[in-house]
């Protein structure tokens, strides 16, 4: 429970940017989160079932009236949970910064089709990947530097600047094999992290997965992104640190920081978000 209601983990059409997101209008968004389980494509919506795997979703603070409304949408009858299409249950979850907590969610109460597993565990990413043609992808760290991203995945064409609402740049992801940190998106609910939207081929996403160490180091997820000058949000692929890789007290490599600053200069952005992230590192070292 929170001060105003219940924590609810959503993973399907209630997610921001999808068809039923308006149902959560007035609820408080608490950030992205992970739960253990398996996700299945049930046609017009997904279903969560117990099993080995990770499912990406969002945590919301909802009041009792909203919860009752979602009960009806999910065909959950509190007086007959075994006969309901979905059961509202409490499960362990954790934020993408690694904080554990309990949350309610809706678990599918039928046997799913055998070939319907969404192996990514991320419904928004799954929907994006099933669209034909090029895919939207956002860089926010050292890949903002054109020479760096093109060396990794080839030509990326036009790059459209914008922001991730509610997130800030953080230097907190432990680099592979080194006692250094690299960039991550940290949810604050208030900030806006700069990024650049690209249109890339599916093979380029897969190539970036290899560079980012997906899924053990970074998770590729689909998040709402606001391009500069656009009225609404656009869903796009990006990479967030696996919670097990989030750390404090480590420095950033000078070469990595140089790539990050060069990328900001290429877009004409102020260096303030980087300076703030570097300042956080100093505070973490002092505390440690």
Protein backbone atom coordinates (compact mmCIF):
# COMPACT_ATOMS: atom_id res chain seq x y z
CA UNK A 1 0.00 0.00 0.00
CA UNK A 2 1.03 3.61 -0.61
CA UNK A 3 -0.23 6.72 1.13
CA UNK A 4 -3.09 7.14 -1.36
CA UNK A 5 -3.92 3.62 -2.56
CA UNK A 6 -2.44 0.39 -3.88
CA UNK A 7 0.60 -0.35 -6.00
CA UNK A 8 -0.51 -1.96 -9.27
CA UNK A 9 1.83 -3.59 -11.80
CA UNK A 10 0.50 -3.31 -15.35
CA UNK A 11 2.07 -5.02 -18.35
CA UNK A 12 -0.41 -4.88 -21.25
CA UNK A 13 -2.90 -2.48 -22.80
CA UNK A 14 -2.90 -0.28 -19.66
CA UNK A 15 0.72 0.71 -20.31
CA UNK A 16 1.43 4.30 -21.31
CA UNK A 17 1.12 4.69 -25.06
CA UNK A 18 -1.29 1.77 -25.49
CA UNK A 19 -5.03 1.48 -26.02
CA UNK A 20 -6.30 1.51 -22.42
CA UNK A 21 -3.77 3.87 -20.87
CA UNK A 22 -6.53 6.45 -20.30
CA UNK A 23 -8.05 4.16 -17.66
CA UNK A 24 -5.15 5.17 -15.39
CA UNK A 25 -5.75 8.90 -15.90
CA UNK A 26 -5.52 10.49 -12.46
CA UNK A 27 -3.44 7.65 -11.01
CA UNK A 28 0.20 8.32 -10.09
CA UNK A 29 2.90 6.76 -12.23
CA UNK A 30 5.68 5.31 -10.05
CA UNK A 31 7.99 4.14 -12.81
CA UNK A 32 8.99 1.05 -14.80
CA UNK A 33 9.39 -2.27 -12.99
CA UNK A 34 10.06 -5.98 -13.43
CA UNK A 35 8.35 -9.10 -12.15
CA UNK A 36 9.15 -12.76 -12.59
CA UNK A 37 6.85 -14.63 -14.93
CA UNK A 38 6.01 -15.32 -18.54
CA UNK A 39 4.01 -13.20 -20.95
CA UNK A 40 1.65 -14.55 -23.62
CA UNK A 41 -0.06 -13.03 -26.65
CA UNK A 42 -3.78 -13.68 -26.27
CA UNK A 43 -4.88 -11.76 -29.36
CA UNK A 44 -5.96 -8.24 -28.44
CA UNK A 45 -4.10 -8.25 -25.12
CA UNK A 46 -1.43 -10.22 -23.24
CA UNK A 47 -1.58 -12.45 -20.19
CA UNK A 48 0.90 -12.95 -17.36
CA UNK A 49 1.50 -16.45 -16.03
CA UNK A 50 3.92 -17.85 -13.43
CA UNK A 51 7.18 -19.19 -14.85
CA UNK A 52 10.85 -18.50 -15.37
CA UNK A 53 11.49 -15.19 -17.05
CA UNK A 54 11.20 -11.43 -16.61
CA UNK A 55 8.21 -9.29 -17.52
CA UNK A 56 8.61 -5.54 -18.03
CA UNK A 57 5.81 -3.22 -16.97
CA UNK A 58 4.88 -0.17 -14.95
CA UNK A 59 3.92 0.51 -11.35
CA UNK A 60 0.99 2.81 -10.63
CA UNK A 61 -0.50 4.12 -7.40
CA UNK A 62 -4.24 3.55 -7.85
CA UNK A 63 -7.24 4.25 -5.65
CA UNK A 64 -10.02 1.80 -4.84
CA UNK A 65 -12.39 3.16 -7.50
CA UNK A 66 -9.77 2.74 -10.24
CA UNK A 67 -8.99 -0.76 -9.04
CA UNK A 68 -12.68 -1.73 -9.22
CA UNK A 69 -12.87 -0.33 -12.76
CA UNK A 70 -9.83 -2.36 -13.82
CA UNK A 71 -11.34 -5.45 -12.14
CA UNK A 72 -14.26 -5.17 -14.58
CA UNK A 73 -11.95 -4.64 -17.56
CA UNK A 74 -9.91 -7.73 -16.61
CA UNK A 75 -13.04 -9.80 -15.93
CA UNK A 76 -12.01 -10.34 -12.32
CA UNK A 77 -14.80 -11.09 -9.84
CA UNK A 78 -13.55 -10.85 -6.23
CA UNK A 79 -16.39 -13.14 -5.15
CA UNK A 80 -15.38 -15.81 -7.69
CA UNK A 81 -11.63 -15.58 -8.33
CA UNK A 82 -11.30 -19.16 -9.59
CA UNK A 83 -13.93 -18.54 -12.27
CA UNK A 84 -12.49 -15.17 -13.38
CA UNK A 85 -10.56 -14.70 -16.61
CA UNK A 86 -7.83 -12.87 -14.67
CA UNK A 87 -7.09 -13.08 -10.97
CA UNK A 88 -5.88 -10.05 -9.04
CA UNK A 89 -2.95 -11.28 -6.95
CA UNK A 90 -0.07 -9.75 -5.01
CA UNK A 91 3.40 -10.55 -6.32
CA UNK A 92 6.99 -9.41 -5.64
CA UNK A 93 8.30 -6.75 -8.00
CA UNK A 94 11.28 -4.45 -8.23
CA UNK A 95 11.99 -1.12 -9.80
CA UNK A 96 14.60 -0.84 -12.52
CA UNK A 97 16.88 0.76 -9.93
CA UNK A 98 16.64 -2.50 -7.96
CA UNK A 99 14.23 -1.56 -5.14
CA UNK A 100 12.01 -4.54 -4.18
CA UNK A 101 8.36 -4.15 -3.19
CA UNK A 102 5.01 -5.94 -3.39
CA UNK A 103 2.36 -5.01 -5.94
CA UNK A 104 -0.98 -6.23 -7.17
CA UNK A 105 -1.31 -7.46 -10.74
CA UNK A 106 -3.71 -9.43 -12.94
CA UNK A 107 -2.64 -12.99 -13.67
CA UNK A 108 -4.24 -14.85 -16.57
CA UNK A 109 -6.40 -17.69 -15.20
CA UNK A 110 -6.51 -19.94 -18.26
CA UNK A 111 -4.02 -22.13 -20.08
CA UNK A 112 -2.38 -19.96 -22.78
CA UNK A 113 -1.77 -21.22 -26.34
CA UNK A 114 1.45 -23.19 -26.54
CA UNK A 115 3.04 -20.98 -29.22
CA UNK A 116 1.98 -17.60 -27.82
CA UNK A 117 4.94 -16.84 -25.51
CA UNK A 118 6.25 -13.28 -25.76
CA UNK A 119 9.87 -14.10 -25.10
CA UNK A 120 10.93 -10.44 -24.75
CA UNK A 121 8.66 -10.10 -21.70
CA UNK A 122 7.85 -6.56 -22.86
CA UNK A 123 4.47 -6.06 -24.55
CA UNK A 124 5.24 -2.63 -26.01
CA UNK A 125 8.52 -3.87 -27.48
CA UNK A 126 6.70 -6.91 -28.87
CA UNK A 127 4.13 -4.67 -30.60
CA UNK A 128 6.87 -2.49 -32.09
CA UNK A 129 8.83 -5.47 -33.38
CA UNK A 130 5.74 -6.79 -35.14
CA UNK A 131 5.40 -3.62 -37.20
CA UNK A 132 6.93 -3.89 -40.67
CA UNK A 133 9.87 -1.78 -41.77
CA UNK A 134 12.28 0.32 -39.78
CA UNK A 135 12.12 0.53 -36.01
CA UNK A 136 12.23 3.61 -33.72
CA UNK A 137 15.27 3.64 -31.44
CA UNK A 138 16.50 6.26 -28.97
CA UNK A 139 20.11 6.83 -27.88
CA UNK A 140 20.80 8.84 -24.72
CA UNK A 141 24.35 7.91 -23.67
CA UNK A 142 27.64 7.65 -25.54
CA UNK A 143 25.76 6.51 -28.67
CA UNK A 144 24.63 10.11 -29.11
CA UNK A 145 28.02 10.64 -30.75
CA UNK A 146 27.45 9.96 -34.42
CA UNK A 147 30.85 8.38 -35.09
CA UNK A 148 30.36 5.98 -32.17
CA UNK A 149 26.89 4.73 -33.07
CA UNK A 150 27.73 4.40 -36.77
CA UNK A 151 30.86 2.41 -35.94
CA UNK A 152 28.64 0.04 -33.97
CA UNK A 153 25.57 -0.41 -36.18
CA UNK A 154 26.16 1.44 -39.43
CA UNK A 155 24.31 4.43 -40.94
CA UNK A 156 21.44 5.76 -38.81
CA UNK A 157 20.09 8.55 -41.03
CA UNK A 158 18.25 11.49 -39.56
CA UNK A 159 18.47 11.88 -35.79
CA UNK A 160 15.58 13.68 -34.11
CA UNK A 161 16.23 15.15 -30.65
CA UNK A 162 13.73 14.89 -27.82
CA UNK A 163 13.34 13.75 -24.22
CA UNK A 164 12.21 10.85 -22.04
CA UNK A 165 9.65 12.46 -19.69
CA UNK A 166 10.12 11.52 -16.05
CA UNK A 167 13.69 10.23 -16.45
CA UNK A 168 17.13 11.69 -15.91
CA UNK A 169 20.59 10.75 -17.11
CA UNK A 170 22.47 8.73 -14.49
CA UNK A 171 25.98 7.25 -14.46
CA UNK A 172 25.19 4.12 -12.48
CA UNK A 173 25.43 1.07 -14.73
CA UNK A 174 28.52 -1.02 -13.98
CA UNK A 175 30.55 -1.46 -17.17
CA UNK A 176 31.22 -5.00 -18.35
CA UNK A 177 34.48 -6.30 -16.88
CA UNK A 178 35.56 -2.95 -15.45
CA UNK A 179 35.18 -1.02 -12.20
CA UNK A 180 33.61 1.87 -14.07
CA UNK A 181 30.09 3.14 -14.68
CA UNK A 182 28.29 4.14 -17.86
CA UNK A 183 24.98 5.82 -18.65
CA UNK A 184 21.53 4.71 -17.55
CA UNK A 185 18.01 6.11 -17.47
CA UNK A 186 16.82 6.68 -13.91
CA UNK A 187 13.14 7.35 -13.23
CA UNK A 188 12.46 10.39 -11.04
CA UNK A 189 8.99 11.41 -12.18
CA UNK A 190 10.13 15.00 -12.67
CA UNK A 191 13.12 15.24 -15.00
CA UNK A 192 13.46 14.93 -18.77
CA UNK A 193 16.42 13.01 -20.14
CA UNK A 194 17.66 14.18 -23.57
CA UNK A 195 17.86 11.59 -26.31
CA UNK A 196 17.89 11.18 -30.09
CA UNK A 197 15.31 9.22 -32.05
CA UNK A 198 16.55 7.13 -34.99
CA UNK A 199 14.81 4.92 -37.54
CA UNK A 200 16.86 1.75 -37.92
CA UNK A 201 16.59 -1.69 -39.43
CA UNK A 202 15.73 -4.67 -37.19
CA UNK A 203 19.25 -6.09 -37.67
CA UNK A 204 20.67 -2.84 -36.30
CA UNK A 205 18.65 -3.25 -33.10
CA UNK A 206 20.05 -6.75 -32.75
CA UNK A 207 23.56 -5.46 -33.35
CA UNK A 208 23.08 -2.84 -30.64
CA UNK A 209 21.84 -5.58 -28.30
CA UNK A 210 25.24 -7.23 -28.64
CA UNK A 211 27.10 -4.02 -27.83
CA UNK A 212 24.82 -3.34 -24.85
CA UNK A 213 25.09 -6.87 -23.46
CA UNK A 214 21.35 -7.48 -23.67
CA UNK A 215 19.74 -8.91 -21.59
CA UNK A 216 22.36 -9.45 -18.87
CA UNK A 217 23.73 -5.90 -18.75
CA UNK A 218 21.10 -3.73 -20.41
CA UNK A 219 17.46 -4.60 -21.06
CA UNK A 220 16.03 -3.43 -24.36
CA UNK A 221 12.63 -1.94 -23.56
CA UNK A 222 10.08 0.21 -25.36
CA UNK A 223 9.41 3.56 -23.65
CA UNK A 224 7.38 6.67 -24.50
CA UNK A 225 9.62 9.39 -25.97
CA UNK A 226 8.71 12.97 -26.87
CA UNK A 227 10.47 14.26 -30.01
CA UNK A 228 11.06 18.01 -29.99
CA UNK A 229 8.13 19.78 -31.62
CA UNK A 230 5.83 16.75 -31.48
CA UNK A 231 2.42 16.95 -29.83
CA UNK A 232 2.42 13.48 -28.38
CA UNK A 233 4.66 10.70 -27.21
CA UNK A 234 6.15 8.01 -29.46
CA UNK A 235 7.09 4.51 -28.41
CA UNK A 236 10.71 3.65 -29.13
CA UNK A 237 13.30 1.02 -28.28
CA UNK A 238 15.97 1.99 -25.79
CA UNK A 239 18.28 0.29 -23.27
CA UNK A 240 17.99 0.49 -19.47
CA UNK A 241 20.43 -1.16 -17.08
CA UNK A 242 19.42 -4.49 -15.63
CA UNK A 243 18.77 -3.86 -11.90
CA UNK A 244 21.56 -6.28 -10.99
CA UNK A 245 24.03 -4.00 -12.81
CA UNK A 246 23.03 -0.74 -11.10
CA UNK A 247 25.73 0.38 -8.67
CA UNK A 248 27.17 3.34 -6.76
CA UNK A 249 30.62 4.47 -5.75
CA UNK A 250 32.43 3.78 -9.03
CA UNK A 251 33.99 6.38 -11.36
CA UNK A 252 33.24 7.00 -15.01
CA UNK A 253 36.04 6.41 -17.52
CA UNK A 254 37.36 9.68 -19.05
CA UNK A 255 37.05 8.25 -22.57
CA UNK A 256 33.40 7.34 -22.04
CA UNK A 257 32.65 10.76 -20.60
CA UNK A 258 34.32 12.36 -23.64
CA UNK A 259 31.98 10.43 -25.98
CA UNK A 260 28.97 11.53 -23.94
CA UNK A 261 29.95 15.20 -23.90
CA UNK A 262 30.75 15.14 -27.62
CA UNK A 263 27.30 13.74 -28.35
CA UNK A 264 25.62 16.54 -26.39
CA UNK A 265 27.70 19.11 -28.29
CA UNK A 266 26.65 17.61 -31.64
CA UNK A 267 23.03 18.36 -30.75
CA UNK A 268 23.81 21.76 -29.26
CA UNK A 269 22.59 20.70 -25.82
CA UNK A 270 23.74 22.17 -22.54
CA UNK A 271 26.08 19.93 -20.55
CA UNK A 272 24.04 20.36 -17.36
CA UNK A 273 22.50 16.82 -17.31
CA UNK A 274 25.99 15.32 -17.62
CA UNK A 275 27.40 17.61 -14.95
CA UNK A 276 24.56 16.62 -12.61
CA UNK A 277 25.21 12.92 -13.22
CA UNK A 278 28.95 13.39 -12.58
CA UNK A 279 28.12 15.32 -9.41
CA UNK A 280 26.04 12.41 -8.19
CA UNK A 281 29.10 10.18 -8.62
CA UNK A 282 31.15 12.42 -6.35
CA UNK A 283 28.44 12.36 -3.69
CA UNK A 284 28.19 8.58 -3.88
CA UNK A 285 31.94 8.21 -3.46
CA UNK A 286 31.95 10.51 -0.43
CA UNK A 287 29.14 8.54 1.17
CA UNK A 288 30.93 5.26 0.50
